[in-house]
Structures are given as C-alpha cells and as structure tokens.
Amino acid sequence: MDLYDVKASGFQGPLNAREIKQLYRSGIFGPRQPCKPRQEATWRTIDEIFPLLKYEAEAPPLRFGETARFRVKAPLLATAGLLLAFVAITFFRSGSVAPRKVGQPTPAPQPAVVRTALR
C-alpha cells in the first residue's frame, strides 16, 4: 500500500490514495495541495500525483431522489387502480345499481306491494 504525506493543517501521518481521494472529493484538499509519496523527498501537488482526480471531481453528482420518488409512486398508483377496479366490479355485480344507457329516462319507482296473511 502506497502512503503519502500531505501538507495540511490537522492531518498528521501518512494517508493512502483512497483517503486522499475522499478528502479531495469532499473539498478539504485542493489540486494545489502539497503532497509526496512517503519514500520520496520532493514535494509535488495532488494534481501532479493524482491527475485523474480533477476529472472525477467535476462529474455532476448523482441524483437518486427523482427515481426513488417514481419507484414509490408507480406501485402505489397501480395498487390504487386495482383496488378501484375491484370495488367497481363488485359494486356492479351485486345488482344494487344497474347500468343504464345514456338518453333513457329513469324508470319510475314501483309501488310497494303489501301482502297480508289470511287465516
């Protein structure tokens, strides 16, 4: 494992490449931060030692919020649609409401027939 010394306040001791990459991405280290491999004597910048970091840092951040919201809404809407269809089918099959054609008048209510038992 390669270790590097970095001239920065608050950082004592060697850091590995992964730690330097994380600190660079978080904005704690900049491209002109003095750095050197542990076994070398000459100081160079982080940009000289890790030239690809500047391209990785400029990449736009990933957005997970939009896709996560869509993933929650789609099953919820599908479930609500299925529930609505089930209720509609059950309601019309029960016979309580008969579908009527558009333009036909509503039938008049029939008088109630009262039956009495004769003895």
PDB file of N, CA and C in Angstrom:
ATOM      1  N   MET A   1       0.851  -1.166   0.000  1.00  0.00           N
ATOM      2  CA  MET A   1       0.000   0.000   0.000  1.00  0.00           C
ATOM      3  C   MET A   1       0.896   1.229   0.000  1.00  0.00           C
ATOM      4  N   ASP A   2       0.617   2.131  -0.937  1.00  0.00           N
ATOM      5  CA  ASP A   2       1.404   3.357  -1.028  1.00  0.00           C
ATOM      6  C   ASP A   2       0.837   4.383  -0.054  1.00  0.00           C
ATOM      7  N   LEU A   3       1.736   5.021   0.664  1.00  0.00           N
ATOM      8  CA  LEU A   3       1.350   6.063   1.616  1.00  0.00           C
ATOM      9  C   LEU A   3       1.910   7.397   1.154  1.00  0.00           C
ATOM     10  N   TYR A   4       1.162   8.451   1.474  1.00  0.00           N
ATOM     11  CA  TYR A   4       1.539   9.799   1.039  1.00  0.00           C
ATOM     12  C   TYR A   4       1.497  10.752   2.221  1.00  0.00           C
ATOM     13  N   ASP A   5       2.420  11.713   2.202  1.00  0.00           N
ATOM     14  CA  ASP A   5       2.407  12.803   3.177  1.00  0.00           C
ATOM     15  C   ASP A   5       1.734  14.004   2.508  1.00  0.00           C
ATOM     16  N   VAL A   6       0.876  14.666   3.259  1.00  0.00           N
ATOM     17  CA  VAL A   6       0.179  15.836   2.736  1.00  0.00           C
ATOM     18  C   VAL A   6       0.407  16.986   3.703  1.00  0.00           C
ATOM     19  N   LYS A   7       0.792  18.162   3.156  1.00  0.00           N
ATOM     20  CA  LYS A   7       0.967  19.345   3.990  1.00  0.00           C
ATOM     21  C   LYS A   7      -0.380  20.035   4.146  1.00  0.00           C
ATOM     22  N   ALA A   8      -1.052  19.722   5.229  1.00  0.00           N
ATOM     23  CA  ALA A   8      -2.342  20.333   5.512  1.00  0.00           C
ATOM     24  C   ALA A   8      -2.518  20.351   7.021  1.00  0.00           C
ATOM     25  N   SER A   9      -3.087  21.430   7.528  1.00  0.00           N
ATOM     26  CA  SER A   9      -3.270  21.511   8.968  1.00  0.00           C
ATOM     27  C   SER A   9      -4.311  20.501   9.413  1.00  0.00           C
ATOM     28  N   GLY A  10      -4.022  19.826  10.502  1.00  0.00           N
ATOM     29  CA  GLY A  10      -4.941  18.833  11.046  1.00  0.00           C
ATOM     30  C   GLY A  10      -4.717  17.426  10.530  1.00  0.00           C
ATOM     31  N   PHE A  11      -3.814  17.249   9.589  1.00  0.00           N
ATOM     32  CA  PHE A  11      -3.537  15.921   9.051  1.00  0.00           C
ATOM     33  C   PHE A  11      -2.087  15.562   9.343  1.00  0.00           C
ATOM     34  N   GLN A  12      -1.909  14.689  10.298  1.00  0.00           N
ATOM     35  CA  GLN A  12      -0.574  14.220  10.650  1.00  0.00           C
ATOM     36  C   GLN A  12      -0.478  12.749  10.296  1.00  0.00           C
ATOM     37  N   GLY A  13       0.643  12.357   9.827  1.00  0.00           N
ATOM     38  CA  GLY A  13       0.822  10.958   9.472  1.00  0.00           C
ATOM     39  C   GLY A  13       0.476  10.721   8.018  1.00  0.00           C
ATOM     40  N   PRO A  14       0.852   9.599   7.517  1.00  0.00           N
ATOM     41  CA  PRO A  14       0.626   9.309   6.098  1.00  0.00           C
ATOM     42  C   PRO A  14      -0.838   8.945   5.813  1.00  0.00           C
ATOM     43  N   LEU A  15      -1.244   9.249   4.594  1.00  0.00           N
ATOM     44  CA  LEU A  15      -2.577   8.900   4.109  1.00  0.00           C
ATOM     45  C   LEU A  15      -2.428   8.001   2.886  1.00  0.00           C
ATOM     46  N   ASN A  16      -3.375   7.108   2.685  1.00  0.00           N
ATOM     47  CA  ASN A  16      -3.319   6.288   1.476  1.00  0.00           C
ATOM     48  C   ASN A  16      -4.087   6.994   0.350  1.00  0.00           C
ATOM     49  N   ALA A  17      -4.010   6.439  -0.843  1.00  0.00           N
ATOM     50  CA  ALA A  17      -4.615   7.076  -2.015  1.00  0.00           C
ATOM     51  C   ALA A  17      -6.132   7.193  -1.873  1.00  0.00           C
ATOM     52  N   ARG A  18      -6.742   6.210  -1.276  1.00  0.00           N
ATOM     53  CA  ARG A  18      -8.194   6.246  -1.102  1.00  0.00           C
ATOM     54  C   ARG A  18      -8.614   7.397  -0.180  1.00  0.00           C
ATOM     55  N   GLU A  19      -7.896   7.600   0.901  1.00  0.00           N
ATOM     56  CA  GLU A  19      -8.210   8.691   1.832  1.00  0.00           C
ATOM     57  C   GLU A  19      -8.018  10.052   1.158  1.00  0.00           C
ATOM     58  N   ILE A  20      -6.946  10.173   0.370  1.00  0.00           N
ATOM     59  CA  ILE A  20      -6.699  11.431  -0.334  1.00  0.00           C
ATOM     60  C   ILE A  20      -7.819  11.703  -1.345  1.00  0.00           C
ATOM     61  N   LYS A  21      -8.259  10.658  -2.023  1.00  0.00           N
ATOM     62  CA  LYS A  21      -9.344  10.803  -2.990  1.00  0.00           C
ATOM     63  C   LYS A  21     -10.632  11.269  -2.306  1.00  0.00           C
ATOM     64  N   GLN A  22     -10.959  10.702  -1.168  1.00  0.00           N
ATOM     65  CA  GLN A  22     -12.173  11.104  -0.441  1.00  0.00           C
ATOM     66  C   GLN A  22     -12.079  12.539   0.057  1.00  0.00           C
ATOM     67  N   LEU A  23     -10.917  12.921   0.565  1.00  0.00           N
ATOM     68  CA  LEU A  23     -10.737  14.286   1.056  1.00  0.00           C
ATOM     69  C   LEU A  23     -10.740  15.297  -0.096  1.00  0.00           C
ATOM     70  N   TYR A  24     -10.233  14.889  -1.249  1.00  0.00           N
ATOM     71  CA  TYR A  24     -10.252  15.755  -2.427  1.00  0.00           C
ATOM     72  C   TYR A  24     -11.690  15.959  -2.916  1.00  0.00           C
ATOM     73  N   ARG A  25     -12.456  14.887  -2.991  1.00  0.00           N
ATOM     74  CA  ARG A  25     -13.841  14.977  -3.447  1.00  0.00           C
ATOM     75  C   ARG A  25     -14.703  15.790  -2.489  1.00  0.00           C
ATOM     76  N   SER A  26     -14.405  15.716  -1.205  1.00  0.00           N
ATOM     77  CA  SER A  26     -15.206  16.465  -0.239  1.00  0.00           C
ATOM     78  C   SER A  26     -14.824  17.942  -0.205  1.00  0.00           C
ATOM     79  N   GLY A  27     -13.736  18.319  -0.864  1.00  0.00           N
ATOM     80  CA  GLY A  27     -13.336  19.714  -0.932  1.00  0.00           C
ATOM     81  C   GLY A  27     -12.351  20.135   0.140  1.00  0.00           C
ATOM     82  N   ILE A  28     -11.899  19.199   0.961  1.00  0.00           N
ATOM     83  CA  ILE A  28     -10.925  19.539   2.006  1.00  0.00           C
ATOM     84  C   ILE A  28      -9.547  19.761   1.389  1.00  0.00           C
ATOM     85  N   PHE A  29      -9.195  18.928   0.424  1.00  0.00           N
ATOM     86  CA  PHE A  29      -7.932  19.108  -0.304  1.00  0.00           C
ATOM     87  C   PHE A  29      -8.248  19.690  -1.670  1.00  0.00           C
ATOM     88  N   GLY A  30      -7.342  20.554  -2.147  1.00  0.00           N
ATOM     89  CA  GLY A  30      -7.465  21.128  -3.480  1.00  0.00           C
ATOM     90  C   GLY A  30      -6.402  20.565  -4.405  1.00  0.00           C
ATOM     91  N   PRO A  31      -6.459  20.922  -5.678  1.00  0.00           N
ATOM     92  CA  PRO A  31      -5.481  20.380  -6.624  1.00  0.00           C
ATOM     93  C   PRO A  31      -4.054  20.864  -6.383  1.00  0.00           C
ATOM     94  N   ARG A  32      -3.889  22.013  -5.724  1.00  0.00           N
ATOM     95  CA  ARG A  32      -2.541  22.546  -5.469  1.00  0.00           C
ATOM     96  C   ARG A  32      -2.013  22.201  -4.073  1.00  0.00           C
ATOM     97  N   GLN A  33      -2.673  21.291  -3.387  1.00  0.00           N
ATOM     98  CA  GLN A  33      -2.242  20.871  -2.049  1.00  0.00           C
ATOM     99  C   GLN A  33      -0.897  20.136  -2.158  1.00  0.00           C
ATOM    100  N   PRO A  34       0.132  20.542  -1.392  1.00  0.00           N
ATOM    101  CA  PRO A  34       1.419  19.852  -1.443  1.00  0.00           C
ATOM    102  C   PRO A  34       1.301  18.414  -0.944  1.00  0.00           C
ATOM    103  N   CYS A  35       1.907  17.504  -1.703  1.00  0.00           N
ATOM    104  CA  CYS A  35       1.806  16.085  -1.389  1.00  0.00           C
ATOM    105  C   CYS A  35       3.045  15.386  -1.941  1.00  0.00           C
ATOM    106  N   LYS A  36       3.408  14.284  -1.308  1.00  0.00           N
ATOM    107  CA  LYS A  36       4.539  13.491  -1.819  1.00  0.00           C
ATOM    108  C   LYS A  36       4.378  12.049  -1.374  1.00  0.00           C
ATOM    109  N   PRO A  37       4.851  11.121  -2.184  1.00  0.00           N
ATOM    110  CA  PRO A  37       4.883   9.735  -1.720  1.00  0.00           C
ATOM    111  C   PRO A  37       5.816   9.615  -0.515  1.00  0.00           C
ATOM    112  N   ARG A  38       5.520   8.706   0.359  1.00  0.00           N
ATOM    113  CA  ARG A  38       6.255   8.573   1.629  1.00  0.00           C
ATOM    114  C   ARG A  38       7.755   8.363   1.425  1.00  0.00           C
ATOM    115  N   GLN A  39       8.154   7.612   0.407  1.00  0.00           N
ATOM    116  CA  GLN A  39       9.567   7.290   0.202  1.00  0.00           C
ATOM    117  C   GLN A  39      10.339   8.356  -0.575  1.00  0.00           C
ATOM    118  N   GLU A  40       9.662   9.358  -1.139  1.00  0.00           N
ATOM    119  CA  GLU A  40      10.340  10.397  -1.909  1.00  0.00           C
ATOM    120  C   GLU A  40      10.609  11.622  -1.045  1.00  0.00           C
ATOM    121  N   ALA A  41      11.517  12.469  -1.528  1.00  0.00           N
ATOM    122  CA  ALA A  41      11.882  13.671  -0.781  1.00  0.00           C
ATOM    123  C   ALA A  41      11.273  14.938  -1.386  1.00  0.00           C
ATOM    124  N   THR A  42      10.947  14.922  -2.672  1.00  0.00           N
ATOM    125  CA  THR A  42      10.433  16.136  -3.320  1.00  0.00           C
ATOM    126  C   THR A  42       8.915  16.227  -3.205  1.00  0.00           C
ATOM    127  N   TRP A  43       8.475  17.450  -2.914  1.00  0.00           N
ATOM    128  CA  TRP A  43       7.038  17.713  -2.778  1.00  0.00           C
ATOM    129  C   TRP A  43       6.476  18.087  -4.145  1.00  0.00           C
ATOM    130  N   ARG A  44       5.317  17.561  -4.450  1.00  0.00           N
ATOM    131  CA  ARG A  44       4.577  17.918  -5.655  1.00  0.00           C
ATOM    132  C   ARG A  44       3.142  18.232  -5.234  1.00  0.00           C
ATOM    133  N   THR A  45       2.277  18.526  -6.176  1.00  0.00           N
ATOM    134  CA  THR A  45       0.873  18.805  -5.834  1.00  0.00           C
ATOM    135  C   THR A  45       0.041  17.526  -6.019  1.00  0.00           C
ATOM    136  N   ILE A  46      -1.128  17.544  -5.415  1.00  0.00           N
ATOM    137  CA  ILE A  46      -2.034  16.401  -5.569  1.00  0.00           C
ATOM    138  C   ILE A  46      -2.404  16.230  -7.036  1.00  0.00           C
ATOM    139  N   ASP A  47      -2.538  17.333  -7.757  1.00  0.00           N
ATOM    140  CA  ASP A  47      -2.876  17.276  -9.175  1.00  0.00           C
ATOM    141  C   ASP A  47      -1.777  16.577  -9.979  1.00  0.00           C
ATOM    142  N   GLU A  48      -0.533  16.765  -9.606  1.00  0.00           N
ATOM    143  CA  GLU A  48       0.573  16.106 -10.310  1.00  0.00           C
ATOM    144  C   GLU A  48       0.640  14.612  -9.984  1.00  0.00           C
ATOM    145  N   ILE A  49       0.353  14.254  -8.756  1.00  0.00           N
ATOM    146  CA  ILE A  49       0.460  12.849  -8.347  1.00  0.00           C
ATOM    147  C   ILE A  49      -0.793  12.064  -8.761  1.00  0.00           C
ATOM    148  N   PHE A  50      -1.967  12.686  -8.633  1.00  0.00           N
ATOM    149  CA  PHE A  50      -3.233  12.039  -8.989  1.00  0.00           C
ATOM    150  C   PHE A  50      -3.940  12.882 -10.055  1.00  0.00           C
ATOM    151  N   PRO A  51      -3.506  12.820 -11.305  1.00  0.00           N
ATOM    152  CA  PRO A  51      -4.081  13.707 -12.327  1.00  0.00           C
ATOM    153  C   PRO A  51      -5.543  13.413 -12.660  1.00  0.00           C
ATOM    154  N   LEU A  52      -6.007  12.206 -12.449  1.00  0.00           N
ATOM    155  CA  LEU A  52      -7.386  11.871 -12.801  1.00  0.00           C
ATOM    156  C   LEU A  52      -8.400  12.370 -11.782  1.00  0.00           C
ATOM    157  N   LEU A  53      -7.958  12.759 -10.614  1.00  0.00           N
ATOM    158  CA  LEU A  53      -8.901  13.235  -9.601  1.00  0.00           C
ATOM    159  C   LEU A  53      -9.655  14.479 -10.050  1.00  0.00           C
ATOM    160  N   LYS A  54      -9.000  15.345 -10.795  1.00  0.00           N
ATOM    161  CA  LYS A  54      -9.670  16.576 -11.223  1.00  0.00           C
ATOM    162  C   LYS A  54     -10.820  16.283 -12.179  1.00  0.00           C
ATOM    163  N   TYR A  55     -10.738  15.212 -12.937  1.00  0.00           N
ATOM    164  CA  TYR A  55     -11.830  14.870 -13.843  1.00  0.00           C
ATOM    165  C   TYR A  55     -12.967  14.186 -13.087  1.00  0.00           C
ATOM    166  N   GLU A  56     -12.641  13.394 -12.101  1.00  0.00           N
ATOM    167  CA  GLU A  56     -13.662  12.725 -11.301  1.00  0.00           C
ATOM    168  C   GLU A  56     -14.419  13.724 -10.430  1.00  0.00           C
ATOM    169  N   ALA A  57     -13.736  14.746  -9.947  1.00  0.00           N
ATOM    170  CA  ALA A  57     -14.374  15.718  -9.060  1.00  0.00           C
ATOM    171  C   ALA A  57     -15.352  16.613  -9.819  1.00  0.00           C
ATOM    172  N   GLU A  58     -15.154  16.800 -11.137  1.00  0.00           N
ATOM    173  CA  GLU A  58     -16.013  17.678 -11.911  1.00  0.00           C
ATOM    174  C   GLU A  58     -17.274  16.979 -12.416  1.00  0.00           C
ATOM    175  N   ALA A  59     -17.379  15.695 -12.217  1.00  0.00           N
ATOM    176  CA  ALA A  59     -18.567  14.971 -12.677  1.00  0.00           C
ATOM    177  C   ALA A  59     -19.781  15.439 -11.884  1.00  0.00           C
ATOM    178  N   PRO A  60     -20.935  15.562 -12.535  1.00  0.00           N
ATOM    179  CA  PRO A  60     -22.129  16.018 -11.804  1.00  0.00           C
ATOM    180  C   PRO A  60     -22.551  14.974 -10.773  1.00  0.00           C
ATOM    181  N   PRO A  61     -23.087  15.417  -9.667  1.00  0.00           N
ATOM    182  CA  PRO A  61     -23.499  14.463  -8.633  1.00  0.00           C
ATOM    183  C   PRO A  61     -24.692  13.631  -9.109  1.00  0.00           C
ATOM    184  N   LEU A  62     -24.746  12.414  -8.655  1.00  0.00           N
ATOM    185  CA  LEU A  62     -25.860  11.540  -8.999  1.00  0.00           C
ATOM    186  C   LEU A  62     -27.096  11.973  -8.234  1.00  0.00           C
ATOM    187  N   ARG A  63     -28.237  11.899  -8.882  1.00  0.00           N
ATOM    188  CA  ARG A  63     -29.492  12.277  -8.234  1.00  0.00           C
ATOM    189  C   ARG A  63     -30.339  11.030  -8.058  1.00  0.00           C
ATOM    190  N   PHE A  64     -30.539  10.664  -6.816  1.00  0.00           N
ATOM    191  CA  PHE A  64     -31.325   9.484  -6.531  1.00  0.00           C
ATOM    192  C   PHE A  64     -32.740   9.841  -6.111  1.00  0.00           C
ATOM    193  N   GLY A  65     -32.985  11.076  -5.743  1.00  0.00           N
ATOM    194  CA  GLY A  65     -34.289  11.465  -5.234  1.00  0.00           C
ATOM    195  C   GLY A  65     -35.406  11.313  -6.250  1.00  0.00           C
ATOM    196  N   GLU A  66     -35.165  11.695  -7.512  1.00  0.00           N
ATOM    197  CA  GLU A  66     -36.216  11.649  -8.520  1.00  0.00           C
ATOM    198  C   GLU A  66     -36.623  10.216  -8.836  1.00  0.00           C
ATOM    199  N   THR A  67     -35.671   9.329  -9.013  1.00  0.00           N
ATOM    200  CA  THR A  67     -36.011   7.949  -9.342  1.00  0.00           C
ATOM    201  C   THR A  67     -36.619   7.251  -8.147  1.00  0.00           C
ATOM    202  N   ALA A  68     -36.194   7.586  -6.952  1.00  0.00           N
ATOM    203  CA  ALA A  68     -36.764   6.950  -5.765  1.00  0.00           C
ATOM    204  C   ALA A  68     -38.219   7.367  -5.603  1.00  0.00           C
ATOM    205  N   ARG A  69     -38.535   8.621  -5.870  1.00  0.00           N
ATOM    206  CA  ARG A  69     -39.921   9.059  -5.771  1.00  0.00           C
ATOM    207  C   ARG A  69     -40.782   8.342  -6.803  1.00  0.00           C
ATOM    208  N   PHE A  70     -40.257   8.157  -8.022  1.00  0.00           N
ATOM    209  CA  PHE A  70     -41.009   7.463  -9.054  1.00  0.00           C
ATOM    210  C   PHE A  70     -41.228   6.000  -8.665  1.00  0.00           C
ATOM    211  N   ARG A  71     -40.254   5.378  -8.062  1.00  0.00           N
ATOM    212  CA  ARG A  71     -40.385   3.984  -7.666  1.00  0.00           C
ATOM    213  C   ARG A  71     -41.450   3.803  -6.590  1.00  0.00           C
ATOM    214  N   VAL A  72     -41.664   4.803  -5.782  1.00  0.00           N
ATOM    215  CA  VAL A  72     -42.692   4.704  -4.745  1.00  0.00           C
ATOM    216  C   VAL A  72     -44.066   4.990  -5.350  1.00  0.00           C
ATOM    217  N   LYS A  73     -44.160   5.945  -6.250  1.00  0.00           N
ATOM    218  CA  LYS A  73     -45.450   6.331  -6.812  1.00  0.00           C
ATOM    219  C   LYS A  73     -46.030   5.267  -7.725  1.00  0.00           C
ATOM    220  N   ALA A  74     -45.208   4.623  -8.536  1.00  0.00           N
ATOM    221  CA  ALA A  74     -45.715   3.657  -9.508  1.00  0.00           C
ATOM    222  C   ALA A  74     -46.449   2.496  -8.836  1.00  0.00           C
ATOM    223  N   PRO A  75     -45.878   1.812  -7.844  1.00  0.00           N
ATOM    224  CA  PRO A  75     -46.640   0.730  -7.207  1.00  0.00           C
ATOM    225  C   PRO A  75     -47.863   1.245  -6.460  1.00  0.00           C
ATOM    226  N   LEU A  76     -47.760   2.418  -5.890  1.00  0.00           N
ATOM    227  CA  LEU A  76     -48.896   2.981  -5.167  1.00  0.00           C
ATOM    228  C   LEU A  76     -50.054   3.266  -6.115  1.00  0.00           C
ATOM    229  N   LEU A  77     -49.765   3.852  -7.270  1.00  0.00           N
ATOM    230  CA  LEU A  77     -50.804   4.132  -8.256  1.00  0.00           C
ATOM    231  C   LEU A  77     -51.389   2.840  -8.826  1.00  0.00           C
ATOM    232  N   ALA A  78     -50.539   1.851  -9.070  1.00  0.00           N
ATOM    233  CA  ALA A  78     -51.030   0.575  -9.594  1.00  0.00           C
ATOM    234  C   ALA A  78     -51.948  -0.104  -8.581  1.00  0.00           C
ATOM    235  N   THR A  79     -51.573  -0.074  -7.319  1.00  0.00           N
ATOM    236  CA  THR A  79     -52.400  -0.674  -6.270  1.00  0.00           C
ATOM    237  C   THR A  79     -53.730   0.059  -6.142  1.00  0.00           C
ATOM    238  N   ALA A  80     -53.708   1.361  -6.183  1.00  0.00           N
ATOM    239  CA  ALA A  80     -54.940   2.146  -6.087  1.00  0.00           C
ATOM    240  C   ALA A  80     -55.857   1.867  -7.286  1.00  0.00           C
ATOM    241  N   GLY A  81     -55.290   1.733  -8.471  1.00  0.00           N
ATOM    242  CA  GLY A  81     -56.082   1.433  -9.661  1.00  0.00           C
ATOM    243  C   GLY A  81     -56.733   0.060  -9.583  1.00  0.00           C
ATOM    244  N   LEU A  82     -55.979  -0.930  -9.119  1.00  0.00           N
ATOM    245  CA  LEU A  82     -56.544  -2.275  -8.967  1.00  0.00           C
ATOM    246  C   LEU A  82     -57.647  -2.300  -7.914  1.00  0.00           C
ATOM    247  N   LEU A  83     -57.453  -1.586  -6.826  1.00  0.00           N
ATOM    248  CA  LEU A  83     -58.469  -1.528  -5.777  1.00  0.00           C
ATOM    249  C   LEU A  83     -59.738  -0.855  -6.294  1.00  0.00           C
ATOM    250  N   LEU A  84     -59.592   0.220  -7.046  1.00  0.00           N
ATOM    251  CA  LEU A  84     -60.745   0.914  -7.617  1.00  0.00           C
ATOM    252  C   LEU A  84     -61.491   0.017  -8.599  1.00  0.00           C
ATOM    253  N   ALA A  85     -60.763  -0.714  -9.438  1.00  0.00           N
ATOM    254  CA  ALA A  85     -61.395  -1.635 -10.382  1.00  0.00           C
ATOM    255  C   ALA A  85     -62.136  -2.746  -9.639  1.00  0.00           C
ATOM    256  N   PHE A  86     -61.552  -3.281  -8.594  1.00  0.00           N
ATOM    257  CA  PHE A  86     -62.196  -4.334  -7.805  1.00  0.00           C
ATOM    258  C   PHE A  86     -63.493  -3.841  -7.173  1.00  0.00           C
ATOM    259  N   VAL A  87     -63.457  -2.653  -6.601  1.00  0.00           N
ATOM    260  CA  VAL A  87     -64.662  -2.084  -5.971  1.00  0.00           C
ATOM    261  C   VAL A  87     -65.747  -1.836  -7.021  1.00  0.00           C
ATOM    262  N   ALA A  88     -65.372  -1.329  -8.182  1.00  0.00           N
ATOM    263  CA  ALA A  88     -66.354  -1.058  -9.237  1.00  0.00           C
ATOM    264  C   ALA A  88     -66.988  -2.354  -9.729  1.00  0.00           C
ATOM    265  N   ILE A  89     -66.186  -3.370  -9.962  1.00  0.00           N
ATOM    266  CA  ILE A  89     -66.724  -4.651 -10.442  1.00  0.00           C
ATOM    267  C   ILE A  89     -67.632  -5.266  -9.384  1.00  0.00           C
ATOM    268  N   THR A  90     -67.227  -5.256  -8.151  1.00  0.00           N
ATOM    269  CA  THR A  90     -68.040  -5.811  -7.074  1.00  0.00           C
ATOM    270  C   THR A  90     -69.349  -5.051  -6.925  1.00  0.00           C
ATOM    271  N   PHE A  91     -69.311  -3.757  -7.034  1.00  0.00           N
ATOM    272  CA  PHE A  91     -70.496  -2.921  -6.876  1.00  0.00           C
ATOM    273  C   PHE A  91     -71.517  -3.199  -7.984  1.00  0.00           C
ATOM    274  N   PHE A  92     -71.047  -3.297  -9.236  1.00  0.00           N
ATOM    275  CA  PHE A  92     -71.961  -3.516 -10.352  1.00  0.00           C
ATOM    276  C   PHE A  92     -72.461  -4.960 -10.408  1.00  0.00           C
ATOM    277  N   ARG A  93     -71.707  -5.911  -9.934  1.00  0.00           N
ATOM    278  CA  ARG A  93     -72.151  -7.306  -9.932  1.00  0.00           C
ATOM    279  C   ARG A  93     -73.170  -7.585  -8.836  1.00  0.00           C
ATOM    280  N   SER A  94     -73.174  -6.785  -7.800  1.00  0.00           N
ATOM    281  CA  SER A  94     -74.106  -7.029  -6.697  1.00  0.00           C
ATOM    282  C   SER A  94     -75.552  -6.766  -7.111  1.00  0.00           C
ATOM    283  N   GLY A  95     -75.769  -6.045  -8.174  1.00  0.00           N
ATOM    284  CA  GLY A  95     -77.116  -5.788  -8.659  1.00  0.00           C
ATOM    285  C   GLY A  95     -77.776  -4.598  -7.995  1.00  0.00           C
ATOM    286  N   SER A  96     -77.106  -3.923  -7.128  1.00  0.00           N
ATOM    287  CA  SER A  96     -77.715  -2.776  -6.463  1.00  0.00           C
ATOM    288  C   SER A  96     -77.877  -1.611  -7.415  1.00  0.00           C
ATOM    289  N   VAL A  97     -77.014  -1.509  -8.384  1.00  0.00           N
ATOM    290  CA  VAL A  97     -77.114  -0.447  -9.369  1.00  0.00           C
ATOM    291  C   VAL A  97     -76.961  -1.095 -10.733  1.00  0.00           C
ATOM    292  N   ALA A  98     -77.998  -0.936 -11.563  1.00  0.00           N
ATOM    293  CA  ALA A  98     -77.923  -1.471 -12.914  1.00  0.00           C
ATOM    294  C   ALA A  98     -77.473  -0.354 -13.835  1.00  0.00           C
ATOM    295  N   PRO A  99     -76.528  -0.620 -14.665  1.00  0.00           N
ATOM    296  CA  PRO A  99     -76.099   0.433 -15.581  1.00  0.00           C
ATOM    297  C   PRO A  99     -77.206   0.731 -16.590  1.00  0.00           C
ATOM    298  N   ARG A 100     -77.383   1.993 -16.931  1.00  0.00           N
ATOM    299  CA  ARG A 100     -78.408   2.360 -17.889  1.00  0.00           C
ATOM    300  C   ARG A 100     -77.761   3.091 -19.048  1.00  0.00           C
ATOM    301  N   LYS A 101     -78.427   3.105 -20.135  1.00  0.00           N
ATOM    302  CA  LYS A 101     -77.903   3.746 -21.332  1.00  0.00           C
ATOM    303  C   LYS A 101     -78.153   5.248 -21.259  1.00  0.00           C
ATOM    304  N   VAL A 102     -77.297   5.971 -21.865  1.00  0.00           N
ATOM    305  CA  VAL A 102     -77.419   7.424 -21.879  1.00  0.00           C
ATOM    306  C   VAL A 102     -78.602   7.797 -22.753  1.00  0.00           C
ATOM    307  N   GLY A 103     -79.437   8.705 -22.283  1.00  0.00           N
ATOM    308  CA  GLY A 103     -80.579   9.177 -23.045  1.00  0.00           C
ATOM    309  C   GLY A 103     -81.879   8.498 -22.655  1.00  0.00           C
ATOM    310  N   GLN A 104     -81.838   7.412 -21.899  1.00  0.00           N
ATOM    311  CA  GLN A 104     -83.062   6.759 -21.460  1.00  0.00           C
ATOM    312  C   GLN A 104     -83.530   7.405 -20.165  1.00  0.00           C
ATOM    313  N   PRO A 105     -84.847   7.557 -20.032  1.00  0.00           N
ATOM    314  CA  PRO A 105     -85.349   8.150 -18.791  1.00  0.00           C
ATOM    315  C   PRO A 105     -85.203   7.175 -17.628  1.00  0.00           C
ATOM    316  N   THR A 106     -85.106   7.729 -16.464  1.00  0.00           N
ATOM    317  CA  THR A 106     -85.021   6.913 -15.265  1.00  0.00           C
ATOM    318  C   THR A 106     -86.383   6.297 -14.999  1.00  0.00           C
ATOM    319  N   PRO A 107     -86.462   4.973 -14.774  1.00  0.00           N
ATOM    320  CA  PRO A 107     -87.780   4.357 -14.535  1.00  0.00           C
ATOM    321  C   PRO A 107     -88.383   4.866 -13.235  1.00  0.00           C
ATOM    322  N   ALA A 108     -89.732   4.961 -13.277  1.00  0.00           N
ATOM    323  CA  ALA A 108     -90.457   5.438 -12.090  1.00  0.00           C
ATOM    324  C   ALA A 108     -90.441   4.353 -11.019  1.00  0.00           C
ATOM    325  N   PRO A 109     -90.399   4.748  -9.743  1.00  0.00           N
ATOM    326  CA  PRO A 109     -90.401   3.741  -8.696  1.00  0.00           C
ATOM    327  C   PRO A 109     -91.742   2.997  -8.659  1.00  0.00           C
ATOM    328  N   GLN A 110     -91.689   1.704  -8.421  1.00  0.00           N
ATOM    329  CA  GLN A 110     -92.881   0.866  -8.350  1.00  0.00           C
ATOM    330  C   GLN A 110     -93.479   0.950  -6.946  1.00  0.00           C
ATOM    331  N   PRO A 111     -94.838   0.953  -6.865  1.00  0.00           N
ATOM    332  CA  PRO A 111     -95.432   0.987  -5.528  1.00  0.00           C
ATOM    333  C   PRO A 111     -95.169  -0.331  -4.808  1.00  0.00           C
ATOM    334  N   ALA A 112     -95.020  -0.222  -3.536  1.00  0.00           N
ATOM    335  CA  ALA A 112     -94.745  -1.402  -2.732  1.00  0.00           C
ATOM    336  C   ALA A 112     -96.010  -2.250  -2.609  1.00  0.00           C
ATOM    337  N   VAL A 113     -95.857  -3.531  -2.724  1.00  0.00           N
ATOM    338  CA  VAL A 113     -96.978  -4.460  -2.614  1.00  0.00           C
ATOM    339  C   VAL A 113     -96.976  -4.984  -1.181  1.00  0.00           C
ATOM    340  N   VAL A 114     -98.111  -4.821  -0.542  1.00  0.00           N
ATOM    341  CA  VAL A 114     -98.219  -5.296   0.834  1.00  0.00           C
ATOM    342  C   VAL A 114     -99.038  -6.585   0.824  1.00  0.00           C
ATOM    343  N   ARG A 115     -98.509  -7.609   1.360  1.00  0.00           N
ATOM    344  CA  ARG A 115     -99.216  -8.893   1.422  1.00  0.00           C
ATOM    345  C   ARG A 115     -99.577  -9.183   2.859  1.00  0.00           C
ATOM    346  N   THR A 116    -100.736  -9.591   3.030  1.00  0.00           N
ATOM    347  CA  THR A 116    -101.179  -9.972   4.368  1.00  0.00           C
ATOM    348  C   THR A 116    -101.570 -11.438   4.364  1.00  0.00           C
ATOM    349  N   ALA A 117    -101.389 -12.048   5.435  1.00  0.00           N
ATOM    350  CA  ALA A 117    -101.732 -13.461   5.539  1.00  0.00           C
ATOM    351  C   ALA A 117    -103.160 -13.581   6.064  1.00  0.00           C
ATOM    352  N   LEU A 118    -104.005 -14.309   5.376  1.00  0.00           N
ATOM    353  CA  LEU A 118    -105.377 -14.521   5.787  1.00  0.00           C
ATOM    354  C   LEU A 118    -105.470 -15.860   6.518  1.00  0.00           C
ATOM    355  N   ARG A 119    -106.277 -15.888   7.632  1.00  0.00           N
ATOM    356  CA  ARG A 119    -106.424 -17.132   8.363  1.00  0.00           C
ATOM    357  C   ARG A 119    -107.809 -17.589   8.400  1.00  0.00           C
TER     358      ARG A 119
END
